[in-house]
Amino acid sequence: MDPSSIPDTRPLYDRALAQLRAIAASAAPERLDAPTPCTEWTVRELLGHTLTVADRLAAMAEGAEPPPFDAIATAPGDDFAAAFADRAERVRATWADDAVLDRTFTLPFGDWNGRASIAVAASDACMHAWDAARALGQSTEGLDAELAELAREVVGALAPPESRTEEHVPFDPVREAPEGADTYTRLAAWMGRDPEWAAA
C-alpha cells in the first residue's frame, strides 16, 4: 500500500493519539520511569517521543522549524493525558486545510505528501501504544486493530523486511509472534520487537 494515496489520514492519527491518551491516563506516576520494549526509553521518554512527533507535524503544517527527530517532549506535571489532548487539538487546527495533505514534506524515509506524513505518525503512535501498554502492565487486546493494520502496511511500504539489516532503517528484523497472539503483539513482532516482552 502506498500511504501517499490514502484519501485522508487525519482521523486515523486522531484515533492513535486518543488511544495513547487513554493508556497514559491510567499510568501511575511511579510507573513513568519503568522500562519499555523500546529499550532506550522509559515510559516517560516514550510518551515524550510521541508528543514530539505531534509537535513536528504541527510545525510542518505551519511552515515552522520542527523539533529534532530525537527530541523528547515533556508534559507539565507529568500529565501526559492532558498533553495528548493538547497535541491532538493543535494537529487538528494546523492540518485543518485539506490543501496541506497535498504538500510535500521531508521525513527520514524521504519526501512524502501530507497524507503519508500523517500515516507515518499514526503508525508510530500505534506501535508505541503497544509499547506503553506492555510497560504499564495493561492489556493490549482492546487496542484499535484497524490502526495496527495501517501501521503494518505503512511500515511495509517504508521499510520492508528485506531492508531491515540496512543501517539507516530504524526497525529490527521481523520476529515470530507466539501462537494465538493478538493483533498488536503480532504487529510488534513484525516490527522487530520482542513479542513476549513484559513488565517486571
N, C-alpha and C. Protein backbone atom coordinates (compact mmCIF):
# COMPACT_ATOMS: atom_id res chain seq x y z
N MET A 1 0.83 -1.19 0.00
CA MET A 1 0.00 0.00 0.00
C MET A 1 0.87 1.25 0.00
N ASP A 2 0.50 2.20 -0.85
CA ASP A 2 1.20 3.47 -0.90
C ASP A 2 0.52 4.43 0.08
N PRO A 3 1.16 4.79 1.21
CA PRO A 3 0.49 5.65 2.19
C PRO A 3 0.14 7.03 1.64
N SER A 4 0.80 7.44 0.56
CA SER A 4 0.51 8.75 0.00
C SER A 4 -0.82 8.77 -0.76
N SER A 5 -1.40 7.59 -0.99
CA SER A 5 -2.65 7.51 -1.75
C SER A 5 -3.89 7.44 -0.87
N ILE A 6 -3.72 7.34 0.45
CA ILE A 6 -4.87 7.29 1.35
C ILE A 6 -5.57 8.65 1.32
N PRO A 7 -6.89 8.69 1.09
CA PRO A 7 -7.58 9.97 0.92
C PRO A 7 -7.39 10.95 2.07
N ASP A 8 -7.57 10.48 3.29
CA ASP A 8 -7.44 11.39 4.44
C ASP A 8 -7.01 10.58 5.66
N THR A 9 -5.78 10.79 6.09
CA THR A 9 -5.24 10.02 7.22
C THR A 9 -5.39 10.76 8.55
N ARG A 10 -5.93 11.97 8.53
CA ARG A 10 -6.04 12.75 9.76
C ARG A 10 -6.90 12.07 10.83
N PRO A 11 -8.06 11.51 10.48
CA PRO A 11 -8.86 10.83 11.52
C PRO A 11 -8.12 9.65 12.15
N LEU A 12 -7.29 8.96 11.37
CA LEU A 12 -6.54 7.83 11.90
C LEU A 12 -5.53 8.30 12.94
N TYR A 13 -4.86 9.41 12.66
CA TYR A 13 -3.90 9.93 13.64
C TYR A 13 -4.62 10.40 14.89
N ASP A 14 -5.77 11.00 14.72
CA ASP A 14 -6.55 11.45 15.88
C ASP A 14 -6.90 10.26 16.76
N ARG A 15 -7.30 9.15 16.14
CA ARG A 15 -7.61 7.95 16.91
C ARG A 15 -6.37 7.39 17.61
N ALA A 16 -5.23 7.46 16.93
CA ALA A 16 -3.99 6.94 17.52
C ALA A 16 -3.61 7.75 18.75
N LEU A 17 -3.76 9.08 18.69
CA LEU A 17 -3.44 9.90 19.85
C LEU A 17 -4.45 9.66 20.98
N ALA A 18 -5.72 9.47 20.63
CA ALA A 18 -6.73 9.19 21.66
C ALA A 18 -6.42 7.88 22.38
N GLN A 19 -5.93 6.91 21.63
CA GLN A 19 -5.56 5.62 22.22
C GLN A 19 -4.39 5.79 23.20
N LEU A 20 -3.39 6.55 22.80
CA LEU A 20 -2.27 6.81 23.70
C LEU A 20 -2.71 7.61 24.92
N ARG A 21 -3.61 8.54 24.70
CA ARG A 21 -4.11 9.33 25.83
C ARG A 21 -4.78 8.44 26.88
N ALA A 22 -5.58 7.49 26.43
CA ALA A 22 -6.26 6.58 27.36
C ALA A 22 -5.26 5.74 28.14
N ILE A 23 -4.21 5.28 27.46
CA ILE A 23 -3.18 4.49 28.14
C ILE A 23 -2.45 5.35 29.17
N ALA A 24 -2.08 6.56 28.77
CA ALA A 24 -1.34 7.46 29.66
C ALA A 24 -2.19 7.86 30.86
N ALA A 25 -3.50 8.01 30.66
CA ALA A 25 -4.38 8.46 31.75
C ALA A 25 -4.42 7.46 32.90
N SER A 26 -4.16 6.20 32.59
CA SER A 26 -4.23 5.18 33.64
C SER A 26 -2.86 4.80 34.19
N ALA A 27 -1.83 5.55 33.80
CA ALA A 27 -0.47 5.25 34.26
C ALA A 27 -0.21 5.87 35.63
N ALA A 28 0.16 5.05 36.59
CA ALA A 28 0.53 5.57 37.90
C ALA A 28 1.84 6.34 37.77
N PRO A 29 1.99 7.46 38.48
CA PRO A 29 3.20 8.29 38.35
C PRO A 29 4.49 7.50 38.55
N GLU A 30 4.49 6.55 39.46
CA GLU A 30 5.72 5.81 39.74
C GLU A 30 6.09 4.85 38.61
N ARG A 31 5.17 4.63 37.67
CA ARG A 31 5.46 3.74 36.55
C ARG A 31 6.08 4.48 35.36
N LEU A 32 6.13 5.80 35.41
CA LEU A 32 6.63 6.56 34.27
C LEU A 32 8.13 6.35 34.03
N ASP A 33 8.85 5.91 35.05
CA ASP A 33 10.27 5.64 34.89
C ASP A 33 10.56 4.17 34.61
N ALA A 34 9.51 3.39 34.38
CA ALA A 34 9.68 1.96 34.09
C ALA A 34 10.24 1.76 32.70
N PRO A 35 10.97 0.66 32.47
CA PRO A 35 11.50 0.36 31.13
C PRO A 35 10.37 0.00 30.18
N THR A 36 10.66 0.04 28.89
CA THR A 36 9.68 -0.29 27.86
C THR A 36 10.31 -1.26 26.85
N PRO A 37 9.50 -1.83 25.96
CA PRO A 37 10.08 -2.68 24.91
C PRO A 37 11.06 -1.92 24.00
N CYS A 38 10.93 -0.60 23.95
CA CYS A 38 11.95 0.24 23.28
C CYS A 38 13.04 0.48 24.32
N THR A 39 14.05 -0.35 24.30
CA THR A 39 15.00 -0.42 25.42
C THR A 39 15.73 0.88 25.71
N GLU A 40 15.74 1.82 24.76
CA GLU A 40 16.43 3.08 25.01
C GLU A 40 15.56 4.09 25.75
N TRP A 41 14.28 3.78 25.94
CA TRP A 41 13.34 4.73 26.54
C TRP A 41 12.62 4.15 27.75
N THR A 42 12.37 5.02 28.72
CA THR A 42 11.41 4.72 29.79
C THR A 42 10.02 5.06 29.27
N VAL A 43 8.99 4.78 30.09
CA VAL A 43 7.63 5.13 29.68
C VAL A 43 7.53 6.64 29.45
N ARG A 44 8.09 7.43 30.35
CA ARG A 44 8.04 8.89 30.22
C ARG A 44 8.69 9.34 28.91
N GLU A 45 9.82 8.77 28.59
CA GLU A 45 10.53 9.16 27.37
C GLU A 45 9.79 8.69 26.11
N LEU A 46 9.22 7.51 26.17
CA LEU A 46 8.47 7.01 25.03
C LEU A 46 7.25 7.89 24.75
N LEU A 47 6.52 8.25 25.81
CA LEU A 47 5.37 9.14 25.63
C LEU A 47 5.84 10.52 25.16
N GLY A 48 6.98 10.98 25.68
CA GLY A 48 7.52 12.26 25.24
C GLY A 48 7.88 12.24 23.76
N HIS A 49 8.40 11.12 23.31
CA HIS A 49 8.72 10.98 21.88
C HIS A 49 7.47 11.14 21.03
N THR A 50 6.37 10.52 21.43
CA THR A 50 5.15 10.61 20.62
C THR A 50 4.59 12.03 20.65
N LEU A 51 4.80 12.75 21.74
CA LEU A 51 4.41 14.16 21.77
C LEU A 51 5.26 14.97 20.80
N THR A 52 6.54 14.65 20.72
CA THR A 52 7.43 15.34 19.78
C THR A 52 6.98 15.12 18.34
N VAL A 53 6.56 13.91 18.02
CA VAL A 53 6.07 13.64 16.66
C VAL A 53 4.89 14.55 16.34
N ALA A 54 3.98 14.71 17.31
CA ALA A 54 2.84 15.61 17.10
C ALA A 54 3.31 17.05 16.93
N ASP A 55 4.29 17.46 17.73
CA ASP A 55 4.84 18.81 17.59
C ASP A 55 5.46 19.01 16.22
N ARG A 56 6.13 17.99 15.72
CA ARG A 56 6.74 18.08 14.40
C ARG A 56 5.66 18.24 13.32
N LEU A 57 4.60 17.46 13.43
CA LEU A 57 3.52 17.56 12.44
C LEU A 57 2.93 18.96 12.42
N ALA A 58 2.65 19.50 13.60
CA ALA A 58 2.06 20.84 13.67
C ALA A 58 3.01 21.88 13.08
N ALA A 59 4.29 21.79 13.41
CA ALA A 59 5.26 22.75 12.89
C ALA A 59 5.39 22.63 11.38
N MET A 60 5.39 21.40 10.87
CA MET A 60 5.48 21.20 9.42
C MET A 60 4.32 21.88 8.71
N ALA A 61 3.11 21.70 9.22
CA ALA A 61 1.93 22.30 8.59
C ALA A 61 1.98 23.82 8.66
N GLU A 62 2.55 24.35 9.73
CA GLU A 62 2.65 25.80 9.91
C GLU A 62 3.79 26.41 9.11
N GLY A 63 4.67 25.56 8.58
CA GLY A 63 5.83 26.06 7.87
C GLY A 63 6.93 26.53 8.80
N ALA A 64 6.87 26.07 10.07
CA ALA A 64 7.86 26.45 11.07
C ALA A 64 8.94 25.37 11.16
N GLU A 65 10.03 25.69 11.84
CA GLU A 65 11.11 24.72 12.04
C GLU A 65 10.66 23.67 13.06
N PRO A 66 10.56 22.40 12.67
CA PRO A 66 10.11 21.38 13.61
C PRO A 66 11.21 21.01 14.59
N PRO A 67 10.84 20.46 15.76
CA PRO A 67 11.85 20.00 16.70
C PRO A 67 12.64 18.83 16.11
N PRO A 68 13.85 18.59 16.60
CA PRO A 68 14.65 17.47 16.08
C PRO A 68 13.93 16.14 16.25
N PHE A 69 14.26 15.18 15.38
CA PHE A 69 13.63 13.87 15.44
C PHE A 69 13.89 13.18 16.78
N ASP A 70 15.05 13.44 17.38
CA ASP A 70 15.39 12.73 18.61
C ASP A 70 15.01 13.51 19.87
N ALA A 71 14.27 14.60 19.72
CA ALA A 71 13.85 15.38 20.89
C ALA A 71 12.81 14.59 21.69
N ILE A 72 12.79 14.81 22.99
CA ILE A 72 11.82 14.17 23.88
C ILE A 72 11.04 15.28 24.58
N ALA A 73 9.78 15.44 24.23
CA ALA A 73 8.95 16.47 24.84
C ALA A 73 8.59 16.08 26.28
N THR A 74 8.25 17.07 27.07
CA THR A 74 7.82 16.82 28.44
C THR A 74 6.34 17.19 28.59
N ALA A 75 5.72 16.68 29.63
CA ALA A 75 4.33 17.00 29.95
C ALA A 75 4.31 17.70 31.30
N PRO A 76 3.79 18.92 31.39
CA PRO A 76 3.73 19.62 32.68
C PRO A 76 3.07 18.76 33.74
N GLY A 77 3.77 18.62 34.87
CA GLY A 77 3.22 17.80 35.94
C GLY A 77 3.09 16.34 35.59
N ASP A 78 3.80 15.91 34.55
CA ASP A 78 3.69 14.52 34.06
C ASP A 78 2.26 14.14 33.69
N ASP A 79 1.46 15.14 33.32
CA ASP A 79 0.08 14.87 32.91
C ASP A 79 0.08 14.61 31.40
N PHE A 80 0.43 13.39 31.05
CA PHE A 80 0.53 13.05 29.63
C PHE A 80 -0.83 12.98 28.97
N ALA A 81 -1.86 12.62 29.71
CA ALA A 81 -3.20 12.59 29.12
C ALA A 81 -3.59 13.98 28.63
N ALA A 82 -3.35 14.99 29.45
CA ALA A 82 -3.66 16.36 29.04
C ALA A 82 -2.77 16.80 27.88
N ALA A 83 -1.51 16.36 27.91
CA ALA A 83 -0.58 16.73 26.84
C ALA A 83 -1.03 16.14 25.51
N PHE A 84 -1.52 14.90 25.51
CA PHE A 84 -2.00 14.30 24.27
C PHE A 84 -3.26 15.01 23.77
N ALA A 85 -4.13 15.41 24.69
CA ALA A 85 -5.32 16.16 24.28
C ALA A 85 -4.93 17.48 23.64
N ASP A 86 -3.94 18.15 24.22
CA ASP A 86 -3.46 19.41 23.68
C ASP A 86 -2.86 19.22 22.30
N ARG A 87 -2.03 18.19 22.13
CA ARG A 87 -1.39 17.93 20.83
C ARG A 87 -2.43 17.58 19.78
N ALA A 88 -3.41 16.79 20.16
CA ALA A 88 -4.44 16.41 19.19
C ALA A 88 -5.17 17.64 18.68
N GLU A 89 -5.47 18.56 19.57
CA GLU A 89 -6.15 19.79 19.17
C GLU A 89 -5.27 20.64 18.26
N ARG A 90 -3.99 20.71 18.58
CA ARG A 90 -3.08 21.51 17.76
C ARG A 90 -2.92 20.93 16.37
N VAL A 91 -2.78 19.60 16.29
CA VAL A 91 -2.64 18.97 14.97
C VAL A 91 -3.91 19.15 14.16
N ARG A 92 -5.08 19.00 14.79
CA ARG A 92 -6.33 19.21 14.06
C ARG A 92 -6.38 20.62 13.48
N ALA A 93 -5.97 21.61 14.28
CA ALA A 93 -6.03 23.00 13.83
C ALA A 93 -5.05 23.28 12.70
N THR A 94 -3.83 22.79 12.84
CA THR A 94 -2.80 23.11 11.84
C THR A 94 -2.97 22.33 10.55
N TRP A 95 -3.66 21.19 10.61
CA TRP A 95 -3.89 20.37 9.42
C TRP A 95 -5.33 20.47 8.94
N ALA A 96 -6.06 21.47 9.38
CA ALA A 96 -7.48 21.57 9.02
C ALA A 96 -7.69 21.83 7.54
N ASP A 97 -6.78 22.53 6.91
CA ASP A 97 -6.89 22.84 5.49
C ASP A 97 -6.54 21.60 4.67
N ASP A 98 -7.47 21.14 3.85
CA ASP A 98 -7.23 19.94 3.05
C ASP A 98 -6.02 20.08 2.13
N ALA A 99 -5.68 21.30 1.78
CA ALA A 99 -4.55 21.52 0.87
C ALA A 99 -3.23 21.04 1.48
N VAL A 100 -3.15 21.01 2.81
CA VAL A 100 -1.91 20.57 3.47
C VAL A 100 -1.63 19.11 3.15
N LEU A 101 -2.67 18.34 2.89
CA LEU A 101 -2.49 16.92 2.59
C LEU A 101 -1.71 16.70 1.29
N ASP A 102 -1.72 17.68 0.42
CA ASP A 102 -1.03 17.55 -0.86
C ASP A 102 0.35 18.20 -0.88
N ARG A 103 0.72 18.85 0.20
CA ARG A 103 2.04 19.44 0.28
C ARG A 103 3.09 18.35 0.48
N THR A 104 4.33 18.62 0.10
CA THR A 104 5.42 17.66 0.24
C THR A 104 6.25 18.00 1.46
N PHE A 105 6.55 16.99 2.26
CA PHE A 105 7.34 17.16 3.47
C PHE A 105 8.51 16.17 3.45
N THR A 106 9.59 16.56 4.10
CA THR A 106 10.77 15.69 4.16
C THR A 106 10.76 14.92 5.47
N LEU A 107 10.74 13.60 5.35
CA LEU A 107 10.78 12.69 6.50
C LEU A 107 12.08 11.89 6.43
N PRO A 108 12.43 11.15 7.51
CA PRO A 108 13.66 10.36 7.47
C PRO A 108 13.70 9.36 6.31
N PHE A 109 12.50 8.94 5.86
CA PHE A 109 12.44 7.95 4.78
C PHE A 109 12.38 8.60 3.40
N GLY A 110 12.40 9.92 3.33
CA GLY A 110 12.32 10.59 2.04
C GLY A 110 11.25 11.66 2.04
N ASP A 111 10.90 12.12 0.85
CA ASP A 111 9.88 13.16 0.69
C ASP A 111 8.52 12.52 0.45
N TRP A 112 7.53 12.95 1.26
CA TRP A 112 6.19 12.38 1.19
C TRP A 112 5.16 13.49 1.26
N ASN A 113 3.98 13.21 0.73
CA ASN A 113 2.93 14.21 0.85
C ASN A 113 2.33 14.18 2.26
N GLY A 114 1.42 15.10 2.52
CA GLY A 114 0.84 15.22 3.86
C GLY A 114 0.11 13.97 4.30
N ARG A 115 -0.58 13.30 3.37
CA ARG A 115 -1.30 12.08 3.73
C ARG A 115 -0.34 11.02 4.28
N ALA A 116 0.76 10.84 3.58
CA ALA A 116 1.74 9.84 4.02
C ALA A 116 2.41 10.28 5.32
N SER A 117 2.68 11.57 5.47
CA SER A 117 3.32 12.07 6.68
C SER A 117 2.45 11.78 7.91
N ILE A 118 1.16 12.02 7.77
CA ILE A 118 0.23 11.72 8.87
C ILE A 118 0.14 10.22 9.10
N ALA A 119 0.14 9.44 8.03
CA ALA A 119 0.06 7.98 8.17
C ALA A 119 1.26 7.43 8.92
N VAL A 120 2.44 7.97 8.64
CA VAL A 120 3.65 7.54 9.34
C VAL A 120 3.53 7.86 10.83
N ALA A 121 3.05 9.07 11.14
CA ALA A 121 2.90 9.46 12.55
C ALA A 121 1.86 8.59 13.25
N ALA A 122 0.78 8.26 12.55
CA ALA A 122 -0.25 7.39 13.14
C ALA A 122 0.31 6.01 13.41
N SER A 123 1.13 5.51 12.50
CA SER A 123 1.75 4.19 12.68
C SER A 123 2.70 4.20 13.87
N ASP A 124 3.46 5.27 14.00
CA ASP A 124 4.38 5.42 15.13
C ASP A 124 3.61 5.43 16.45
N ALA A 125 2.55 6.21 16.51
CA ALA A 125 1.74 6.28 17.73
C ALA A 125 1.07 4.95 18.03
N CYS A 126 0.65 4.26 16.98
CA CYS A 126 0.02 2.95 17.14
C CYS A 126 0.99 1.95 17.76
N MET A 127 2.19 1.86 17.21
CA MET A 127 3.17 0.90 17.73
C MET A 127 3.55 1.24 19.16
N HIS A 128 3.70 2.51 19.44
CA HIS A 128 4.10 2.90 20.80
C HIS A 128 2.97 2.71 21.81
N ALA A 129 1.73 2.59 21.32
CA ALA A 129 0.64 2.25 22.24
C ALA A 129 0.87 0.86 22.82
N TRP A 130 1.32 -0.07 21.97
CA TRP A 130 1.63 -1.42 22.47
C TRP A 130 2.79 -1.35 23.45
N ASP A 131 3.82 -0.59 23.10
CA ASP A 131 4.98 -0.46 23.99
C ASP A 131 4.56 0.06 25.36
N ALA A 132 3.77 1.13 25.35
CA ALA A 132 3.37 1.75 26.62
C ALA A 132 2.47 0.83 27.42
N ALA A 133 1.51 0.19 26.75
CA ALA A 133 0.60 -0.71 27.46
C ALA A 133 1.37 -1.87 28.08
N ARG A 134 2.29 -2.46 27.34
CA ARG A 134 3.09 -3.56 27.89
C ARG A 134 3.92 -3.09 29.08
N ALA A 135 4.54 -1.92 28.94
CA ALA A 135 5.39 -1.40 30.01
C ALA A 135 4.59 -1.11 31.28
N LEU A 136 3.32 -0.76 31.10
CA LEU A 136 2.46 -0.43 32.24
C LEU A 136 1.66 -1.62 32.74
N GLY A 137 1.87 -2.78 32.12
CA GLY A 137 1.17 -3.98 32.55
C GLY A 137 -0.30 -4.00 32.14
N GLN A 138 -0.65 -3.25 31.10
CA GLN A 138 -2.03 -3.19 30.63
C GLN A 138 -2.26 -4.19 29.51
N SER A 139 -3.51 -4.59 29.33
CA SER A 139 -3.87 -5.49 28.24
C SER A 139 -3.76 -4.74 26.90
N THR A 140 -3.35 -5.47 25.87
CA THR A 140 -3.28 -4.88 24.53
C THR A 140 -4.39 -5.41 23.62
N GLU A 141 -5.24 -6.24 24.15
CA GLU A 141 -6.26 -6.88 23.31
C GLU A 141 -7.33 -5.92 22.84
N GLY A 142 -7.57 -4.83 23.56
CA GLY A 142 -8.63 -3.90 23.17
C GLY A 142 -8.15 -2.74 22.32
N LEU A 143 -6.89 -2.76 21.90
CA LEU A 143 -6.38 -1.66 21.10
C LEU A 143 -6.95 -1.70 19.68
N ASP A 144 -6.93 -0.56 19.03
CA ASP A 144 -7.57 -0.36 17.72
C ASP A 144 -6.91 -1.21 16.64
N ALA A 145 -7.58 -2.27 16.23
CA ALA A 145 -7.00 -3.22 15.27
C ALA A 145 -6.80 -2.59 13.89
N GLU A 146 -7.69 -1.69 13.49
CA GLU A 146 -7.54 -1.05 12.17
C GLU A 146 -6.25 -0.23 12.11
N LEU A 147 -5.91 0.42 13.22
CA LEU A 147 -4.66 1.17 13.25
C LEU A 147 -3.46 0.24 13.13
N ALA A 148 -3.55 -0.93 13.73
CA ALA A 148 -2.45 -1.88 13.64
C ALA A 148 -2.24 -2.34 12.20
N GLU A 149 -3.34 -2.55 11.48
CA GLU A 149 -3.22 -2.95 10.09
C GLU A 149 -2.62 -1.82 9.26
N LEU A 150 -3.03 -0.59 9.55
CA LEU A 150 -2.44 0.57 8.86
C LEU A 150 -0.94 0.63 9.11
N ALA A 151 -0.54 0.46 10.38
CA ALA A 151 0.88 0.54 10.73
C ALA A 151 1.69 -0.51 9.98
N ARG A 152 1.15 -1.70 9.90
CA ARG A 152 1.89 -2.76 9.21
C ARG A 152 2.06 -2.43 7.73
N GLU A 153 1.02 -1.91 7.11
CA GLU A 153 1.10 -1.59 5.69
C GLU A 153 2.01 -0.40 5.43
N VAL A 154 1.92 0.62 6.28
CA VAL A 154 2.75 1.81 6.10
C VAL A 154 4.23 1.47 6.28
N VAL A 155 4.54 0.76 7.36
CA VAL A 155 5.94 0.40 7.60
C VAL A 155 6.42 -0.58 6.54
N GLY A 156 5.52 -1.43 6.05
CA GLY A 156 5.89 -2.35 4.97
C GLY A 156 6.30 -1.61 3.71
N ALA A 157 5.65 -0.45 3.48
CA ALA A 157 5.99 0.36 2.31
C ALA A 157 7.30 1.11 2.51
N LEU A 158 7.55 1.54 3.75
CA LEU A 158 8.74 2.34 4.03
C LEU A 158 9.97 1.49 4.34
N ALA A 159 9.75 0.39 5.05
CA ALA A 159 10.87 -0.45 5.49
C ALA A 159 10.48 -1.92 5.40
N PRO A 160 10.43 -2.47 4.20
CA PRO A 160 10.07 -3.88 4.05
C PRO A 160 11.07 -4.78 4.78
N PRO A 161 10.63 -6.00 5.13
CA PRO A 161 11.50 -6.89 5.92
C PRO A 161 12.90 -7.08 5.35
N GLU A 162 13.01 -7.12 4.02
CA GLU A 162 14.32 -7.36 3.42
C GLU A 162 15.29 -6.19 3.59
N SER A 163 14.77 -5.03 4.02
CA SER A 163 15.64 -3.86 4.21
C SER A 163 16.10 -3.69 5.66
N ARG A 164 15.63 -4.54 6.55
CA ARG A 164 15.82 -4.31 7.98
C ARG A 164 17.27 -4.36 8.43
N THR A 165 18.15 -4.94 7.64
CA THR A 165 19.56 -5.02 8.04
C THR A 165 20.36 -3.80 7.60
N GLU A 166 19.72 -2.91 6.85
CA GLU A 166 20.41 -1.71 6.39
C GLU A 166 20.53 -0.71 7.54
N GLU A 167 21.64 -0.04 7.62
CA GLU A 167 21.96 0.81 8.78
C GLU A 167 20.96 1.93 8.99
N HIS A 168 20.41 2.50 7.92
CA HIS A 168 19.53 3.65 8.05
C HIS A 168 18.10 3.28 8.42
N VAL A 169 17.78 1.98 8.43
CA VAL A 169 16.40 1.55 8.71
C VAL A 169 16.22 1.35 10.21
N PRO A 170 15.29 2.11 10.84
CA PRO A 170 15.15 2.05 12.31
C PRO A 170 14.25 0.94 12.82
N PHE A 171 14.26 -0.22 12.17
CA PHE A 171 13.47 -1.36 12.62
C PHE A 171 14.34 -2.60 12.63
N ASP A 172 14.13 -3.44 13.63
CA ASP A 172 14.88 -4.69 13.71
C ASP A 172 14.23 -5.74 12.81
N PRO A 173 14.95 -6.82 12.53
CA PRO A 173 14.37 -7.89 11.71
C PRO A 173 13.08 -8.43 12.31
N VAL A 174 12.22 -8.90 11.43
CA VAL A 174 10.92 -9.45 11.84
C VAL A 174 11.13 -10.66 12.76
N ARG A 175 10.32 -10.74 13.81
CA ARG A 175 10.35 -11.88 14.72
C ARG A 175 9.06 -12.68 14.58
N GLU A 176 9.06 -13.87 15.16
CA GLU A 176 7.87 -14.72 15.10
C GLU A 176 7.01 -14.45 16.32
N ALA A 177 5.73 -14.21 16.10
CA ALA A 177 4.80 -13.97 17.19
C ALA A 177 4.34 -15.29 17.79
N PRO A 178 4.05 -15.31 19.08
CA PRO A 178 3.54 -16.55 19.70
C PRO A 178 2.21 -16.97 19.09
N GLU A 179 1.92 -18.24 19.10
CA GLU A 179 0.64 -18.73 18.60
C GLU A 179 -0.49 -18.12 19.41
N GLY A 180 -1.50 -17.61 18.71
CA GLY A 180 -2.65 -17.02 19.38
C GLY A 180 -2.45 -15.59 19.82
N ALA A 181 -1.35 -14.96 19.41
CA ALA A 181 -1.08 -13.58 19.81
C ALA A 181 -2.13 -12.64 19.23
N ASP A 182 -2.43 -11.56 19.96
CA ASP A 182 -3.41 -10.60 19.47
C ASP A 182 -2.79 -9.74 18.36
N THR A 183 -3.63 -8.91 17.75
CA THR A 183 -3.22 -8.12 16.58
C THR A 183 -2.00 -7.27 16.86
N TYR A 184 -1.97 -6.62 18.00
CA TYR A 184 -0.86 -5.71 18.30
C TYR A 184 0.43 -6.46 18.63
N THR A 185 0.30 -7.60 19.26
CA THR A 185 1.51 -8.38 19.55
C THR A 185 2.11 -8.93 18.27
N ARG A 186 1.24 -9.32 17.32
CA ARG A 186 1.74 -9.74 16.01
C ARG A 186 2.42 -8.57 15.29
N LEU A 187 1.83 -7.38 15.43
CA LEU A 187 2.45 -6.19 14.83
C LEU A 187 3.81 -5.92 15.46
N ALA A 188 3.88 -6.04 16.78
CA ALA A 188 5.15 -5.80 17.48
C ALA A 188 6.23 -6.74 16.97
N ALA A 189 5.89 -8.01 16.80
CA ALA A 189 6.86 -8.98 16.29
C ALA A 189 7.29 -8.62 14.87
N TRP A 190 6.33 -8.20 14.06
CA TRP A 190 6.64 -7.83 12.68
C TRP A 190 7.54 -6.59 12.64
N MET A 191 7.36 -5.70 13.61
CA MET A 191 8.19 -4.50 13.69
C MET A 191 9.58 -4.79 14.26
N GLY A 192 9.79 -6.00 14.76
CA GLY A 192 11.09 -6.35 15.31
C GLY A 192 11.17 -6.31 16.82
N ARG A 193 10.03 -6.06 17.48
CA ARG A 193 10.00 -6.07 18.93
C ARG A 193 10.05 -7.52 19.45
N ASP A 194 10.40 -7.65 20.73
CA ASP A 194 10.26 -8.95 21.39
C ASP A 194 8.79 -9.10 21.73
N PRO A 195 8.04 -9.97 21.06
CA PRO A 195 6.59 -10.05 21.28
C PRO A 195 6.21 -10.56 22.65
N GLU A 196 7.17 -11.14 23.37
CA GLU A 196 6.87 -11.68 24.69
C GLU A 196 7.41 -10.78 25.80
N TRP A 197 7.84 -9.57 25.42
CA TRP A 197 8.32 -8.63 26.43
C TRP A 197 7.20 -8.32 27.41
N ALA A 198 7.52 -8.29 28.68
CA ALA A 198 6.51 -7.99 29.69
C ALA A 198 7.15 -7.16 30.80
N ALA A 199 6.34 -6.33 31.43
CA ALA A 199 6.82 -5.51 32.54
C ALA A 199 7.23 -6.41 33.70
N ALA A 200 8.26 -5.99 34.41
CA ALA A 200 8.74 -6.77 35.56
C ALA A 200 7.68 -6.78 36.64
